[in-house]
């Protein structure tokens, strides 16, 4: 998510520590020898990549899944809402 979405959701705003250096993760798998890697951005690409992975059991496979910057699970959204609605929890989570 180009950084730490959990921190962004709890604390709000854009803090420098949430930003991560962009890596070319799919090239890292080459260090393991025979490999195949790809980057996917939607379910169709993921399905195709998964089929490739399943049909190549002798390769080290790496599938990088690019998510929307603000993609978060329902559980994280619920937790964030609870933290923000509780003055005590919000004070404990506050970074300032």
Protein backbone atom coordinates (compact mmCIF):
# COMPACT_ATOMS: atom_id res chain seq x y z
CA UNK A 1 0.00 0.00 0.00
CA UNK A 2 2.96 2.31 -0.45
CA UNK A 3 3.35 2.50 3.32
CA UNK A 4 1.64 1.54 6.54
CA UNK A 5 -2.13 1.75 6.02
CA UNK A 6 -2.81 0.77 9.65
CA UNK A 7 -0.93 3.83 10.89
CA UNK A 8 -2.58 6.07 8.31
CA UNK A 9 -6.03 4.92 9.37
CA UNK A 10 -5.48 5.22 13.11
CA UNK A 11 -3.51 8.46 13.17
CA UNK A 12 -4.82 10.05 9.99
CA UNK A 13 -2.77 12.32 7.81
CA UNK A 14 0.42 11.66 5.97
CA UNK A 15 3.47 11.13 8.16
CA UNK A 16 6.90 10.57 6.65
CA UNK A 17 7.50 7.37 8.65
CA UNK A 18 4.54 5.76 6.85
CA UNK A 19 6.23 6.11 3.48
CA UNK A 20 8.29 3.14 2.31
CA UNK A 21 11.03 3.08 -0.28
CA UNK A 22 9.73 1.59 -3.52
CA UNK A 23 11.37 -1.77 -4.15
CA UNK A 24 11.34 -3.97 -7.20
CA UNK A 25 10.20 -6.98 -5.19
CA UNK A 26 9.62 -9.24 -8.14
CA UNK A 27 13.33 -9.13 -9.03
CA UNK A 28 14.28 -10.34 -5.54
CA UNK A 29 13.05 -13.85 -6.32
CA UNK A 30 15.90 -14.23 -8.83
CA UNK A 31 18.24 -14.76 -5.89
CA UNK A 32 16.64 -18.19 -5.41
CA UNK A 33 17.62 -19.47 -8.85
CA UNK A 34 15.00 -20.86 -11.24
CA UNK A 35 12.09 -18.55 -10.72
CA UNK A 36 9.17 -16.68 -12.19
CA UNK A 37 7.66 -13.47 -10.93
CA UNK A 38 5.02 -10.98 -11.90
CA UNK A 39 3.10 -7.99 -10.62
CA UNK A 40 -0.70 -8.04 -10.61
CA UNK A 41 -3.19 -5.23 -10.11
CA UNK A 42 -6.54 -6.97 -10.42
CA UNK A 43 -8.28 -10.31 -9.90
CA UNK A 44 -7.94 -11.36 -13.55
CA UNK A 45 -4.18 -10.89 -13.52
CA UNK A 46 -4.01 -12.69 -10.17
CA UNK A 47 -5.97 -15.66 -11.54
CA UNK A 48 -3.64 -15.91 -14.54
CA UNK A 49 -0.55 -15.64 -12.33
CA UNK A 50 -1.95 -18.28 -9.97
CA UNK A 51 -2.47 -20.69 -12.87
CA UNK A 52 1.11 -20.10 -14.01
CA UNK A 53 2.34 -20.79 -10.48
CA UNK A 54 0.30 -23.99 -10.22
CA UNK A 55 1.63 -25.33 -13.52
CA UNK A 56 5.29 -24.63 -12.65
CA UNK A 57 5.95 -26.50 -9.40
CA UNK A 58 9.73 -26.56 -9.94
CA UNK A 59 10.06 -22.78 -9.95
CA UNK A 60 10.24 -20.36 -7.07
CA UNK A 61 7.21 -18.15 -7.66
CA UNK A 62 6.69 -14.59 -6.50
CA UNK A 63 3.45 -12.73 -7.19
CA UNK A 64 3.49 -9.09 -6.18
CA UNK A 65 -0.02 -7.79 -5.59
CA UNK A 66 -0.39 -4.03 -5.95
CA UNK A 67 -3.14 -2.67 -3.74
CA UNK A 68 -4.78 0.72 -3.68
CA UNK A 69 -2.92 3.05 -1.31
CA UNK A 70 -5.91 3.17 1.05
CA UNK A 71 -6.99 -0.46 0.76
CA UNK A 72 -7.92 -1.79 4.20
CA UNK A 73 -9.87 -4.73 5.54
CA UNK A 74 -13.27 -4.39 7.22
CA UNK A 75 -11.59 -5.40 10.47
CA UNK A 76 -9.06 -2.58 10.25
CA UNK A 77 -11.78 -0.08 9.40
CA UNK A 78 -13.79 -1.29 12.43
CA UNK A 79 -10.74 -1.05 14.72
CA UNK A 80 -9.97 2.45 13.50
CA UNK A 81 -13.55 3.56 14.15
CA UNK A 82 -13.40 2.14 17.71
CA UNK A 83 -10.05 3.78 18.47
CA UNK A 84 -11.21 7.14 17.19
CA UNK A 85 -14.49 6.96 19.14
CA UNK A 86 -12.74 6.21 22.45
CA UNK A 87 -10.84 9.18 23.95
CA UNK A 88 -8.72 6.83 26.08
CA UNK A 89 -7.76 4.56 23.18
CA UNK A 90 -7.12 7.50 20.89
CA UNK A 91 -4.82 9.10 23.50
CA UNK A 92 -2.91 5.82 23.86
CA UNK A 93 -2.54 5.55 20.08
CA UNK A 94 -1.63 9.23 19.59
CA UNK A 95 1.88 9.80 18.27
CA UNK A 96 2.08 13.50 19.01
